[in-house]
Amino acid sequence: MGELLARLRAALRRNLPGEEAAVVVTAHFTIDLGTRRVTNAAGEVRLTPTEWHLVEVLTRHAGKLVTGRKLLQEVWGPQYGEETNYLRVHLAHIRRKLEPEPSRPRYFMTEPGMGYRFEPDDTSRA
């Protein structure tokens, strides 16, 4: 039952009016939520489905803390909540692909013991 509710929430979230056209532009990459594409100066950045889902959740909550539990449940399902190692591994991959200096993240921030935050540039929403 929990998985069904999670799938319904995800479907409703994907169909929010105006959200399909959301584009986040930073100095180093562009995230187009409508087309599900990330591009940088070198071209399109290939993300795995899991990486994309994490980027999407964090981007939709730009500037706000997203707890590890919420990320796990949004991406992997309601039965997850304590598997923080999943987040560490996937966020490291995302940082290697998108951050200018992966060891010193500028966009995908970790709040130790709390969760993660996407910090866009000041003029990032199109």
Protein backbone atom coordinates (compact mmCIF):
# COMPACT_ATOMS: atom_id res chain seq x y z
CA MET A 1 0.00 0.00 0.00
CA GLY A 2 2.86 2.36 0.85
CA GLU A 3 4.47 1.85 -2.55
CA LEU A 4 1.20 2.61 -4.31
CA LEU A 5 0.87 5.89 -2.41
CA ALA A 6 4.47 6.80 -3.24
CA ARG A 7 3.84 6.12 -6.93
CA LEU A 8 0.67 8.24 -6.86
CA ARG A 9 2.52 11.12 -5.20
CA ALA A 10 5.29 10.86 -7.79
CA ALA A 11 2.77 10.88 -10.64
CA LEU A 12 1.00 13.91 -9.20
CA ARG A 13 4.31 15.69 -8.67
CA ARG A 14 5.28 15.12 -12.31
CA ASN A 15 1.98 16.60 -13.46
CA LEU A 16 2.02 19.84 -11.50
CA PRO A 17 1.06 22.78 -13.75
CA GLY A 18 3.99 24.91 -14.83
CA GLU A 19 6.59 22.54 -13.43
CA GLU A 20 7.25 20.86 -16.80
CA ALA A 21 8.80 24.04 -18.16
CA ALA A 22 11.10 24.66 -15.18
CA VAL A 23 14.71 25.17 -16.16
CA VAL A 24 17.50 25.75 -13.64
CA VAL A 25 20.52 27.53 -15.07
CA THR A 26 23.79 27.75 -13.16
CA ALA A 27 27.19 29.02 -14.24
CA HIS A 28 28.33 25.43 -14.85
CA PHE A 29 25.29 23.46 -16.02
CA THR A 30 21.61 23.68 -16.95
CA ILE A 31 18.88 21.37 -15.65
CA ASP A 32 15.70 21.15 -17.74
CA LEU A 33 13.06 19.42 -15.62
CA GLY A 34 10.58 19.29 -18.51
CA THR A 35 12.82 17.35 -20.88
CA ARG A 36 14.78 15.63 -18.09
CA ARG A 37 18.12 16.78 -19.47
CA VAL A 38 21.25 18.20 -17.91
CA THR A 39 23.76 20.02 -20.09
CA ASN A 40 27.07 21.74 -19.49
CA ALA A 41 29.66 23.43 -21.73
CA ALA A 42 30.74 20.04 -23.10
CA GLY A 43 27.18 18.98 -24.01
CA GLU A 44 24.61 16.69 -22.46
CA VAL A 45 25.50 15.09 -19.13
CA ARG A 46 24.30 11.51 -18.83
CA LEU A 47 22.74 10.73 -15.47
CA THR A 48 21.46 7.36 -14.35
CA PRO A 49 17.74 7.21 -13.48
CA THR A 50 18.59 7.26 -9.77
CA GLU A 51 20.96 10.21 -10.18
CA TRP A 52 18.34 12.06 -12.19
CA HIS A 53 15.66 11.46 -9.55
CA LEU A 54 17.95 12.78 -6.81
CA VAL A 55 18.82 15.87 -8.89
CA GLU A 56 15.13 16.42 -9.66
CA VAL A 57 14.02 16.22 -6.02
CA LEU A 58 16.82 18.51 -4.83
CA THR A 59 16.23 20.98 -7.68
CA ARG A 60 12.50 21.18 -7.00
CA HIS A 61 13.37 22.07 -3.39
CA ALA A 62 16.17 24.48 -4.34
CA GLY A 63 17.66 26.32 -1.38
CA LYS A 64 15.82 24.13 1.13
CA LEU A 65 17.14 21.28 3.22
CA VAL A 66 15.85 17.88 2.10
CA THR A 67 16.33 15.28 4.80
CA GLY A 68 18.09 12.04 3.99
CA ARG A 69 14.96 10.11 4.91
CA LYS A 70 12.80 12.16 2.52
CA LEU A 71 15.29 11.70 -0.33
CA LEU A 72 15.50 7.96 0.27
CA GLN A 73 11.72 7.58 0.35
CA GLU A 74 11.19 9.78 -2.73
CA VAL A 75 13.79 7.95 -4.81
CA TRP A 76 13.82 4.37 -3.50
CA GLY A 77 10.38 4.09 -1.89
CA PRO A 78 8.62 4.32 1.47
CA GLN A 79 10.35 1.28 2.97
CA TYR A 80 13.71 3.09 2.86
CA GLY A 81 14.86 5.61 5.42
CA GLU A 82 18.11 4.56 7.05
CA GLU A 83 20.26 3.65 4.01
CA THR A 84 22.24 6.90 4.00
CA ASN A 85 25.16 5.17 2.27
CA TYR A 86 23.01 5.08 -0.90
CA LEU A 87 22.81 8.85 -0.81
CA ARG A 88 26.54 9.33 -0.22
CA VAL A 89 27.45 7.13 -3.18
CA HIS A 90 24.98 8.66 -5.64
CA LEU A 91 25.63 12.26 -4.57
CA ALA A 92 29.37 11.65 -5.07
CA HIS A 93 28.62 10.52 -8.66
CA ILE A 94 26.40 13.56 -9.25
CA ARG A 95 29.11 15.87 -7.93
CA ARG A 96 31.74 14.29 -10.20
CA LYS A 97 29.46 14.89 -13.19
CA LEU A 98 28.17 18.39 -12.37
CA GLU A 99 30.30 20.21 -9.82
CA PRO A 100 33.27 22.28 -11.06
CA GLU A 101 35.28 20.98 -8.06
CA PRO A 102 33.63 17.78 -6.78
CA SER A 103 35.72 17.76 -3.59
CA ARG A 104 34.48 21.28 -2.78
CA PRO A 105 30.80 21.24 -3.80
CA ARG A 106 29.14 24.49 -4.76
CA TYR A 107 25.66 23.27 -5.76
CA PHE A 108 24.92 19.92 -4.10
CA MET A 109 25.62 20.54 -0.43
CA THR A 110 25.67 18.05 2.44
CA GLU A 111 24.28 19.12 5.78
CA PRO A 112 25.95 16.54 8.07
CA GLY A 113 23.47 14.48 10.05
CA MET A 114 20.52 16.28 8.45
CA GLY A 115 20.33 15.92 4.68
CA TYR A 116 21.17 17.64 1.42
CA ARG A 117 20.55 20.98 -0.21
CA PHE A 118 20.73 22.22 -3.81
CA GLU A 119 22.10 25.77 -3.84
CA PRO A 120 21.47 27.34 -7.23
CA ASP A 121 23.03 30.56 -8.49
CA ASP A 122 21.09 33.72 -7.62
CA THR A 123 19.36 33.96 -11.02
CA SER A 124 18.79 30.28 -11.68
CA ARG A 125 15.10 29.78 -12.50
CA ALA A 126 13.95 30.41 -16.04
